[in-house]
Amino acid sequence: MRRPWLVLFGVAALVELAGVALDSTPAQWLAKPLLAPLLLAYLWDRRRRTDPVAVGLVAATAGDVALLVPGDTAFLAGMGCFLVTQLAFLTAFLRHRRPPVAAVAGYLLAWAGANALLWSALGPLRLPVLGYSLALSLMAAAATGVSRRTAAGGALFLVSDLLIGVGAAGGDFPGRDLLVMTTYAAALLLITAGWAAAHAGPTRPVQRYPIESVGLLG
């Protein structure tokens, strides 16, 4: 019963991407709030327990809804929800395994450089973006200690939110919104699937008994 959740996620992601490409608000309201819950259902089907990654997906759902509402207040509310997501993911990943020092150093350098480039254009969003992007960068670094899939998901999450930051700073280019959602959906999928795979229980071997042991040969 695991595969249907990913199929449904794929359908919702395609509807969301079509909604972004066609600038269809109804399609985005229909599909975007389903992305994280479908992955949450997949994770529950795999693990049958609540963990910090599940909490992060719940917060991501709230953040997705908030970011569908225009305005700075909704943007800050969405950022707050996704801050919870990053901290929850970070907690889960650090409990699993410490990331390589080189990954942490690299992501912190990227964090400092990106904020330096966008600082003058962010205005009153400077400090919120500074704090949120630090949590995001640490999450992406910690994801490298789980698996290649989670590492790729963490990197794509960083790319997605960097593109949002470029928009908040007044920068834009054709297809930016579509690229934001493509990298975001892929990030959620890779993080969730990678985490589930890293914590999959061992497959129980099928026991084979000699026919004599069950008395079939007398």
Protein backbone atom coordinates (compact mmCIF):
# COMPACT_ATOMS: atom_id res chain seq x y z
CA MET A 1 0.00 0.00 0.00
CA ARG A 2 3.05 2.29 -0.13
CA ARG A 3 3.17 2.97 -3.83
CA PRO A 4 -0.29 4.65 -4.15
CA TRP A 5 0.80 7.49 -1.84
CA LEU A 6 3.73 8.31 -4.11
CA VAL A 7 1.54 8.05 -7.20
CA LEU A 8 -0.95 10.46 -5.64
CA PHE A 9 1.92 12.75 -4.67
CA GLY A 10 3.12 12.71 -8.28
CA VAL A 11 -0.36 13.62 -9.53
CA ALA A 12 -0.67 16.45 -7.00
CA ALA A 13 2.79 17.74 -7.91
CA LEU A 14 1.94 17.77 -11.61
CA VAL A 15 -1.32 19.64 -10.95
CA GLU A 16 0.56 22.14 -8.79
CA LEU A 17 3.25 22.69 -11.42
CA ALA A 18 0.60 23.14 -14.09
CA GLY A 19 -1.17 25.64 -11.84
CA VAL A 20 2.05 27.61 -11.41
CA ALA A 21 2.86 27.50 -15.14
CA LEU A 22 -0.67 28.61 -16.09
CA ASP A 23 -0.98 31.03 -13.15
CA SER A 24 -4.10 29.16 -12.01
CA THR A 25 -4.86 30.00 -8.39
CA PRO A 26 -7.60 27.31 -8.02
CA ALA A 27 -5.23 24.57 -9.21
CA GLN A 28 -2.58 25.70 -6.76
CA TRP A 29 -5.04 25.83 -3.86
CA LEU A 30 -6.23 22.36 -4.81
CA ALA A 31 -2.84 20.68 -5.16
CA LYS A 32 -0.20 22.45 -3.06
CA PRO A 33 -1.77 21.73 0.37
CA LEU A 34 -1.81 18.00 -0.53
CA LEU A 35 1.91 17.59 -1.21
CA ALA A 36 3.25 17.23 2.32
CA PRO A 37 0.21 15.31 3.69
CA LEU A 38 0.56 12.66 0.97
CA LEU A 39 4.20 12.19 1.87
CA LEU A 40 3.22 12.10 5.53
CA ALA A 41 0.81 9.25 4.73
CA TYR A 42 3.61 7.46 2.87
CA LEU A 43 5.97 7.90 5.82
CA TRP A 44 3.35 6.62 8.25
CA ASP A 45 2.73 3.61 6.03
CA ARG A 46 6.46 2.83 6.12
CA ARG A 47 7.22 3.55 9.79
CA ARG A 48 3.91 3.44 11.73
CA ARG A 49 5.22 6.02 14.19
CA THR A 50 5.47 9.77 14.63
CA ASP A 51 8.95 11.24 14.40
CA PRO A 52 10.45 14.72 13.81
CA VAL A 53 10.30 14.30 10.02
CA ALA A 54 6.55 13.72 10.31
CA VAL A 55 6.27 16.85 12.45
CA GLY A 56 8.22 18.74 9.80
CA LEU A 57 5.80 17.62 7.10
CA VAL A 58 2.84 18.85 9.17
CA ALA A 59 4.52 22.25 9.55
CA ALA A 60 5.28 22.28 5.81
CA THR A 61 1.58 21.81 5.10
CA ALA A 62 0.75 24.89 7.17
CA GLY A 63 3.55 26.80 5.46
CA ASP A 64 2.32 25.86 2.00
CA VAL A 65 -1.15 27.16 2.82
CA ALA A 66 0.22 30.39 4.29
CA LEU A 67 2.36 31.07 1.22
CA LEU A 68 -0.67 30.77 -1.03
CA VAL A 69 -2.00 33.95 0.61
CA PRO A 70 -0.52 37.17 -0.81
CA GLY A 71 1.13 39.75 1.43
CA ASP A 72 4.11 40.15 3.74
CA THR A 73 2.24 38.92 6.83
CA ALA A 74 1.37 35.63 5.18
CA PHE A 75 4.95 35.37 3.85
CA LEU A 76 6.35 35.73 7.37
CA ALA A 77 3.81 33.24 8.72
CA GLY A 78 4.85 30.77 6.03
CA MET A 79 8.50 31.34 6.86
CA GLY A 80 7.73 30.64 10.52
CA CYS A 81 6.02 27.36 9.63
CA PHE A 82 8.93 26.29 7.47
CA LEU A 83 11.35 27.25 10.23
CA VAL A 84 9.60 24.58 12.31
CA THR A 85 10.02 22.21 9.36
CA GLN A 86 13.76 22.85 9.12
CA LEU A 87 14.29 22.49 12.87
CA ALA A 88 12.27 19.26 12.94
CA PHE A 89 14.22 17.80 10.02
CA LEU A 90 17.49 18.96 11.59
CA THR A 91 16.61 17.25 14.87
CA ALA A 92 15.78 13.99 13.11
CA PHE A 93 18.93 13.98 10.99
CA LEU A 94 21.27 14.79 13.89
CA ARG A 95 19.76 11.99 15.95
CA HIS A 96 20.47 9.61 13.09
CA ARG A 97 24.12 10.51 12.47
CA ARG A 98 26.44 13.49 12.62
CA PRO A 99 27.13 15.00 9.20
CA PRO A 100 30.64 15.39 7.78
CA VAL A 101 32.41 18.54 8.97
CA ALA A 102 33.15 19.51 5.38
CA ALA A 103 29.43 19.51 4.55
CA VAL A 104 28.63 21.76 7.51
CA ALA A 105 31.44 24.16 6.61
CA GLY A 106 30.39 24.26 2.96
CA TYR A 107 26.77 24.99 3.70
CA LEU A 108 27.66 27.68 6.24
CA LEU A 109 29.87 29.37 3.65
CA ALA A 110 27.02 29.22 1.14
CA TRP A 111 24.67 30.69 3.78
CA ALA A 112 27.00 33.58 4.50
CA GLY A 113 27.58 34.30 0.81
CA ALA A 114 23.89 34.21 -0.16
CA ASN A 115 22.89 36.51 2.69
CA ALA A 116 25.70 38.92 1.85
CA LEU A 117 24.50 39.14 -1.75
CA LEU A 118 20.82 39.64 -0.86
CA TRP A 119 21.23 41.68 2.34
CA SER A 120 20.87 45.18 0.92
CA ALA A 121 17.76 44.28 -1.10
CA LEU A 122 15.82 42.39 1.59
CA GLY A 123 14.92 45.44 3.68
CA PRO A 124 12.81 44.52 6.76
CA LEU A 125 13.03 40.84 5.84
CA ARG A 126 16.78 40.75 6.49
CA LEU A 127 16.76 39.32 10.01
CA PRO A 128 13.92 36.81 9.46
CA VAL A 129 15.63 35.55 6.30
CA LEU A 130 19.00 35.43 8.07
CA GLY A 131 17.64 33.22 10.87
CA TYR A 132 15.52 31.01 8.64
CA SER A 133 18.27 30.47 6.08
CA LEU A 134 20.68 29.46 8.85
CA ALA A 135 18.28 26.73 10.02
CA LEU A 136 17.76 25.67 6.40
CA SER A 137 21.51 25.48 5.72
CA LEU A 138 22.12 23.44 8.86
CA MET A 139 19.29 21.08 7.88
CA ALA A 140 20.79 20.60 4.42
CA ALA A 141 24.19 19.90 5.95
CA ALA A 142 22.72 17.43 8.44
CA ALA A 143 20.87 15.64 5.63
CA THR A 144 24.24 14.54 4.23
CA GLY A 145 24.66 12.30 7.26
CA VAL A 146 21.53 10.26 6.50
CA SER A 147 21.77 9.15 2.87
CA ARG A 148 22.42 10.40 -0.63
CA ARG A 149 18.71 10.87 -1.20
CA THR A 150 18.20 13.01 1.86
CA ALA A 151 21.35 14.95 0.99
CA ALA A 152 19.96 15.67 -2.48
CA GLY A 153 16.63 16.65 -0.93
CA GLY A 154 18.30 19.04 1.51
CA ALA A 155 20.28 20.66 -1.30
CA LEU A 156 17.16 21.10 -3.45
CA PHE A 157 15.27 22.59 -0.50
CA LEU A 158 18.04 25.14 -0.17
CA VAL A 159 17.90 25.94 -3.90
CA SER A 160 14.12 26.33 -3.78
CA ASP A 161 14.18 28.73 -0.85
CA LEU A 162 17.12 30.64 -2.30
CA LEU A 163 14.99 31.30 -5.37
CA ILE A 164 12.19 32.52 -3.08
CA GLY A 165 14.72 34.80 -1.39
CA VAL A 166 15.74 36.19 -4.77
CA GLY A 167 12.10 37.05 -5.41
CA ALA A 168 11.74 38.64 -1.96
CA ALA A 169 14.79 40.77 -2.76
CA GLY A 170 13.10 42.03 -5.92
CA GLY A 171 14.89 39.80 -8.40
CA ASP A 172 13.05 37.71 -10.94
CA PHE A 173 13.50 35.79 -14.18
CA PRO A 174 11.20 33.77 -16.45
CA GLY A 175 10.21 30.44 -14.94
CA ARG A 176 11.45 31.25 -11.42
CA ASP A 177 8.15 30.31 -9.74
CA LEU A 178 8.01 27.04 -11.65
CA LEU A 179 11.58 26.25 -10.69
CA VAL A 180 10.79 27.04 -7.04
CA MET A 181 7.96 24.50 -6.96
CA THR A 182 9.83 21.86 -8.96
CA THR A 183 12.81 21.90 -6.62
CA TYR A 184 10.55 22.09 -3.54
CA ALA A 185 8.41 19.11 -4.51
CA ALA A 186 11.50 17.08 -5.38
CA ALA A 187 13.12 18.07 -2.09
CA LEU A 188 10.17 16.90 0.00
CA LEU A 189 9.98 13.63 -1.90
CA LEU A 190 13.71 12.87 -1.62
CA ILE A 191 13.88 13.78 2.07
CA THR A 192 10.83 11.70 2.98
CA ALA A 193 11.75 8.68 0.85
CA GLY A 194 15.38 8.82 1.96
CA TRP A 195 14.42 9.02 5.61
CA ALA A 196 11.94 6.15 5.29
CA ALA A 197 14.54 3.99 3.54
CA ALA A 198 17.18 4.77 6.16
CA HIS A 199 14.85 3.53 8.88
CA ALA A 200 13.27 0.58 7.11
CA GLY A 201 13.23 -2.50 9.28
CA PRO A 202 15.23 -5.52 8.20
CA THR A 203 13.43 -7.90 5.93
CA ARG A 204 12.52 -11.09 7.79
CA PRO A 205 13.88 -14.12 5.93
CA VAL A 206 11.41 -16.77 4.92
CA GLN A 207 11.98 -19.86 7.02
CA ARG A 208 12.24 -23.09 5.11
CA TYR A 209 11.71 -26.38 6.87
CA PRO A 210 12.75 -29.84 5.64
CA ILE A 211 9.74 -31.77 4.52
CA GLU A 212 10.60 -34.47 7.06
CA SER A 213 10.35 -32.00 9.92
CA VAL A 214 6.66 -31.43 9.32
CA GLY A 215 5.92 -35.12 9.13
CA LEU A 216 4.88 -35.23 5.50
CA LEU A 217 7.16 -38.17 4.79
CA GLY A 218 6.12 -40.16 7.80
